[in-house]
C-alpha atoms as a PDB file:
ATOM      1  CA  MET A   1     -69.298  85.204  -0.029  1.00  0.00           C
ATOM      2  CA  SER A   2     -68.026  83.909  -3.328  1.00  0.00           C
ATOM      3  CA  ARG A   3     -70.244  83.745  -6.344  1.00  0.00           C
ATOM      4  CA  HIS A   4     -70.104  79.948  -6.347  1.00  0.00           C
ATOM      5  CA  ARG A   5     -71.104  79.709  -2.678  1.00  0.00           C
ATOM      6  CA  GLY A   6     -74.070  82.029  -3.285  1.00  0.00           C
ATOM      7  CA  TRP A   7     -75.236  79.902  -6.195  1.00  0.00           C
ATOM      8  CA  SER A   8     -74.810  76.646  -4.303  1.00  0.00           C
ATOM      9  CA  SER A   9     -76.720  77.940  -1.294  1.00  0.00           C
ATOM     10  CA  ALA A  10     -79.641  78.833  -3.572  1.00  0.00           C
ATOM     11  CA  VAL A  11     -79.903  75.304  -4.967  1.00  0.00           C
ATOM     12  CA  PRO A  12     -81.757  73.792  -1.973  1.00  0.00           C
ATOM     13  CA  PHE A  13     -84.288  76.648  -2.035  1.00  0.00           C
ATOM     14  CA  ALA A  14     -84.893  76.190  -5.754  1.00  0.00           C
ATOM     15  CA  LEU A  15     -85.267  72.430  -5.342  1.00  0.00           C
ATOM     16  CA  LEU A  16     -87.700  72.934  -2.467  1.00  0.00           C
ATOM     17  CA  ALA A  17     -89.801  75.432  -4.448  1.00  0.00           C
ATOM     18  CA  VAL A  18     -90.063  73.089  -7.433  1.00  0.00           C
ATOM     19  CA  TYR A  19     -90.619  69.965  -5.326  1.00  0.00           C
ATOM     20  CA  TRP A  20     -93.267  71.561  -3.088  1.00  0.00           C
ATOM     21  CA  SER A  21     -95.080  72.974  -6.112  1.00  0.00           C
ATOM     22  CA  LEU A  22     -95.147  69.544  -7.737  1.00  0.00           C
ATOM     23  CA  CYS A  23     -96.422  67.987  -4.495  1.00  0.00           C
ATOM     24  CA  PHE A  24     -99.221  70.538  -4.360  1.00  0.00           C
ATOM     25  CA  LEU A  25    -100.172  69.967  -7.992  1.00  0.00           C
ATOM     26  CA  LEU A  26    -100.098  66.181  -7.653  1.00  0.00           C
ATOM     27  CA  THR A  27    -102.409  66.232  -4.653  1.00  0.00           C
ATOM     28  CA  HIS A  28    -104.865  68.867  -5.908  1.00  0.00           C
ATOM     29  CA  VAL A  29    -105.546  67.923  -9.507  1.00  0.00           C
ATOM     30  CA  PRO A  30    -108.906  66.168  -9.815  1.00  0.00           C
ATOM     31  CA  LEU A  31    -108.597  62.593 -11.031  1.00  0.00           C
ATOM     32  CA  PRO A  32    -110.505  61.775 -14.223  1.00  0.00           C
ATOM     33  CA  ARG A  33    -113.308  59.267 -13.694  1.00  0.00           C
ATOM     34  CA  ASN A  34    -111.795  56.708 -16.055  1.00  0.00           C
ATOM     35  CA  VAL A  35    -108.427  56.658 -14.231  1.00  0.00           C
ATOM     36  CA  SER A  36    -108.118  53.825 -11.778  1.00  0.00           C
ATOM     37  CA  ARG A  37    -107.323  54.848  -8.206  1.00  0.00           C
ATOM     38  CA  SER A  38    -104.830  51.995  -8.095  1.00  0.00           C
ATOM     39  CA  LEU A  39    -102.631  52.608 -11.117  1.00  0.00           C
ATOM     40  CA  PHE A  40    -100.285  49.682 -10.511  1.00  0.00           C
ATOM     41  CA  HIS A  41    -102.670  47.650  -8.350  1.00  0.00           C
ATOM     42  CA  VAL A  42    -100.349  47.905  -5.350  1.00  0.00           C
ATOM     43  CA  PRO A  43    -102.142  47.782  -1.999  1.00  0.00           C
ATOM     44  CA  HIS A  44    -102.141  51.158  -0.253  1.00  0.00           C
ATOM     45  CA  GLN A  45    -100.220  52.800  -3.076  1.00  0.00           C
ATOM     46  CA  ASP A  46    -101.678  56.181  -2.110  1.00  0.00           C
ATOM     47  CA  LYS A  47    -100.147  55.838   1.364  1.00  0.00           C
ATOM     48  CA  ILE A  48     -96.807  54.875  -0.179  1.00  0.00           C
ATOM     49  CA  ALA A  49     -96.995  57.931  -2.448  1.00  0.00           C
ATOM     50  CA  HIS A  50     -97.796  60.214   0.501  1.00  0.00           C
ATOM     51  CA  PHE A  51     -94.938  58.671   2.509  1.00  0.00           C
ATOM     52  CA  LEU A  52     -92.405  59.192  -0.281  1.00  0.00           C
ATOM     53  CA  LEU A  53     -93.568  62.701  -1.193  1.00  0.00           C
ATOM     54  CA  TYR A  54     -93.350  63.905   2.397  1.00  0.00           C
ATOM     55  CA  ALA A  55     -90.027  62.149   3.010  1.00  0.00           C
ATOM     56  CA  GLY A  56     -88.583  64.186   0.158  1.00  0.00           C
ATOM     57  CA  LEU A  57     -90.265  67.375   1.338  1.00  0.00           C
ATOM     58  CA  ALA A  58     -88.968  67.068   4.908  1.00  0.00           C
ATOM     59  CA  ALA A  59     -85.504  66.076   3.684  1.00  0.00           C
ATOM     60  CA  LEU A  60     -85.263  69.274   1.626  1.00  0.00           C
ATOM     61  CA  ILE A  61     -86.601  71.408   4.477  1.00  0.00           C
ATOM     62  CA  THR A  62     -84.131  69.822   6.920  1.00  0.00           C
ATOM     63  CA  TRP A  63     -81.260  70.424   4.495  1.00  0.00           C
ATOM     64  CA  ILE A  64     -82.174  74.112   4.214  1.00  0.00           C
ATOM     65  CA  LEU A  65     -82.696  74.624   7.946  1.00  0.00           C
ATOM     66  CA  HIS A  66     -79.434  72.831   8.717  1.00  0.00           C
ATOM     67  CA  ASP A  67     -77.567  75.112   6.284  1.00  0.00           C
ATOM     68  CA  LEU A  68     -79.282  78.203   7.703  1.00  0.00           C
ATOM     69  CA  SER A  69     -78.129  77.212  11.200  1.00  0.00           C
ATOM     70  CA  GLY A  70     -74.547  77.424   9.983  1.00  0.00           C
ATOM     71  CA  ARG A  71     -74.397  73.626  10.031  1.00  0.00           C
ATOM     72  CA  ARG A  72     -74.162  73.743  13.810  1.00  0.00           C
ATOM     73  CA  ARG A  73     -77.567  72.288  14.607  1.00  0.00           C
ATOM     74  CA  VAL A  74     -78.869  68.888  13.564  1.00  0.00           C
ATOM     75  CA  VAL A  75     -81.820  67.926  15.757  1.00  0.00           C
ATOM     76  CA  ALA A  76     -83.723  71.229  15.717  1.00  0.00           C
ATOM     77  CA  PRO A  77     -83.838  71.516  11.889  1.00  0.00           C
ATOM     78  CA  ALA A  78     -85.138  67.944  11.640  1.00  0.00           C
ATOM     79  CA  LEU A  79     -87.825  68.536  14.262  1.00  0.00           C
ATOM     80  CA  TYR A  80     -88.916  71.812  12.640  1.00  0.00           C
ATOM     81  CA  ALA A  81     -89.063  70.096   9.251  1.00  0.00           C
ATOM     82  CA  ILE A  82     -91.255  67.299  10.631  1.00  0.00           C
ATOM     83  CA  LEU A  83     -93.533  69.835  12.301  1.00  0.00           C
ATOM     84  CA  LEU A  84     -93.805  71.975   9.161  1.00  0.00           C
ATOM     85  CA  ALA A  85     -94.495  68.926   6.987  1.00  0.00           C
ATOM     86  CA  ALA A  86     -97.119  67.651   9.465  1.00  0.00           C
ATOM     87  CA  VAL A  87     -98.920  70.997   9.512  1.00  0.00           C
ATOM     88  CA  TYR A  88     -98.760  71.272   5.728  1.00  0.00           C
ATOM     89  CA  GLY A  89     -99.954  67.659   5.417  1.00  0.00           C
ATOM     90  CA  ALA A  90    -103.015  68.420   7.550  1.00  0.00           C
ATOM     91  CA  LEU A  91    -103.743  71.534   5.467  1.00  0.00           C
ATOM     92  CA  ASP A  92    -103.194  69.538   2.279  1.00  0.00           C
ATOM     93  CA  GLU A  93    -105.667  66.855   3.371  1.00  0.00           C
ATOM     94  CA  TRP A  94    -108.254  69.481   4.313  1.00  0.00           C
ATOM     95  CA  LEU A  95    -107.854  71.271   0.965  1.00  0.00           C
ATOM     96  CA  GLN A  96    -108.279  67.975  -0.882  1.00  0.00           C
ATOM     97  CA  SER A  97    -111.758  67.685   0.591  1.00  0.00           C
ATOM     98  CA  PHE A  98    -112.763  70.534  -1.766  1.00  0.00           C
ATOM     99  CA  VAL A  99    -111.293  68.916  -4.889  1.00  0.00           C
ATOM    100  CA  PRO A 100    -113.620  66.728  -6.963  1.00  0.00           C
ATOM    101  CA  SER A 101    -112.592  63.037  -6.869  1.00  0.00           C
ATOM    102  CA  ARG A 102    -110.301  63.688  -3.887  1.00  0.00           C
ATOM    103  CA  SER A 103    -111.000  63.272  -0.184  1.00  0.00           C
ATOM    104  CA  ALA A 104    -109.400  64.062   3.138  1.00  0.00           C
ATOM    105  CA  ASP A 105    -108.027  60.927   4.752  1.00  0.00           C
ATOM    106  CA  PRO A 106    -106.418  60.935   8.206  1.00  0.00           C
ATOM    107  CA  PHE A 107    -104.402  57.856   7.242  1.00  0.00           C
ATOM    108  CA  ASP A 108    -102.868  59.839   4.377  1.00  0.00           C
ATOM    109  CA  TRP A 109    -101.820  62.419   6.968  1.00  0.00           C
ATOM    110  CA  LEU A 110    -100.251  59.680   9.102  1.00  0.00           C
ATOM    111  CA  ALA A 111     -98.327  58.510   6.034  1.00  0.00           C
ATOM    112  CA  ASP A 112     -97.249  62.141   5.474  1.00  0.00           C
ATOM    113  CA  VAL A 113     -95.919  62.434   9.038  1.00  0.00           C
ATOM    114  CA  ALA A 114     -94.196  59.045   8.891  1.00  0.00           C
ATOM    115  CA  GLY A 115     -92.518  59.941   5.602  1.00  0.00           C
ATOM    116  CA  ALA A 116     -91.511  63.371   6.906  1.00  0.00           C
ATOM    117  CA  SER A 117     -90.023  61.741   9.995  1.00  0.00           C
ATOM    118  CA  LEU A 118     -87.934  59.390   7.879  1.00  0.00           C
ATOM    119  CA  GLY A 119     -86.773  62.104   5.459  1.00  0.00           C
ATOM    120  CA  ALA A 120     -85.821  64.566   8.196  1.00  0.00           C
ATOM    121  CA  THR A 121     -84.104  61.878  10.261  1.00  0.00           C
ATOM    122  CA  ALA A 122     -82.103  60.642   7.266  1.00  0.00           C
ATOM    123  CA  ILE A 123     -80.791  64.138   6.506  1.00  0.00           C
ATOM    124  CA  GLY A 124     -80.138  64.747  10.213  1.00  0.00           C
ATOM    125  CA  LEU A 125     -78.100  61.552  10.466  1.00  0.00           C
ATOM    126  CA  LEU A 126     -76.214  62.388   7.288  1.00  0.00           C
ATOM    127  CA  ALA A 127     -75.412  65.836   8.709  1.00  0.00           C
ATOM    128  CA  MET A 128     -74.145  64.270  11.943  1.00  0.00           C
ATOM    129  CA  VAL A 129     -71.882  61.869  10.042  1.00  0.00           C
ATOM    130  CA  ARG A 130     -70.499  64.649   7.841  1.00  0.00           C
ATOM    131  CA  SER A 131     -69.918  66.855  10.884  1.00  0.00           C
ATOM    132  CA  ALA A 132     -68.013  64.067  12.631  1.00  0.00           C
ATOM    133  CA  GLU A 133     -65.916  63.528   9.506  1.00  0.00           C
ATOM    134  CA  ARG A 134     -65.071  67.246   9.330  1.00  0.00           C
ATOM    135  CA  ARG A 135     -64.036  67.274  13.001  1.00  0.00           C
ATOM    136  CA  ALA A 136     -61.884  64.200  12.475  1.00  0.00           C
ATOM    137  CA  ASP A 137     -60.218  65.789   9.429  1.00  0.00           C
ATOM    138  CA  ALA A 138     -59.593  69.006  11.382  1.00  0.00           C
ATOM    139  CA  THR A 139     -57.797  67.149  14.192  1.00  0.00           C
ATOM    140  CA  ALA A 140     -55.749  64.972  11.845  1.00  0.00           C
END
């Protein structure tokens, strides 16, 4: 393996570690009393935030699992990423019940799973398109 390939294969893992750590911190820091729950006064902004955070999380996990499969598998990495994100989302919601000013909300978990499904599916579809392009280039 070349030095460049080794470095580039470590990038998704580093991104995932940083991203997941930030997700954990964002969802486990107690909110000060004087901070409004609706920062921008957007309805259901917490659900939107959960959706987007977990879409990114599942996208990164899918990317890593797809690479680890030798780029041969597309569906299985996406399904595993959704499952992992759903389990982590449930654990995350439960842990929030112990944080002052936070609460466990099953609708947040549903937003987590929906976001994870979108993120994993998007990366899975991208992988399928890229795979088809590589096959087409190989036969040309």
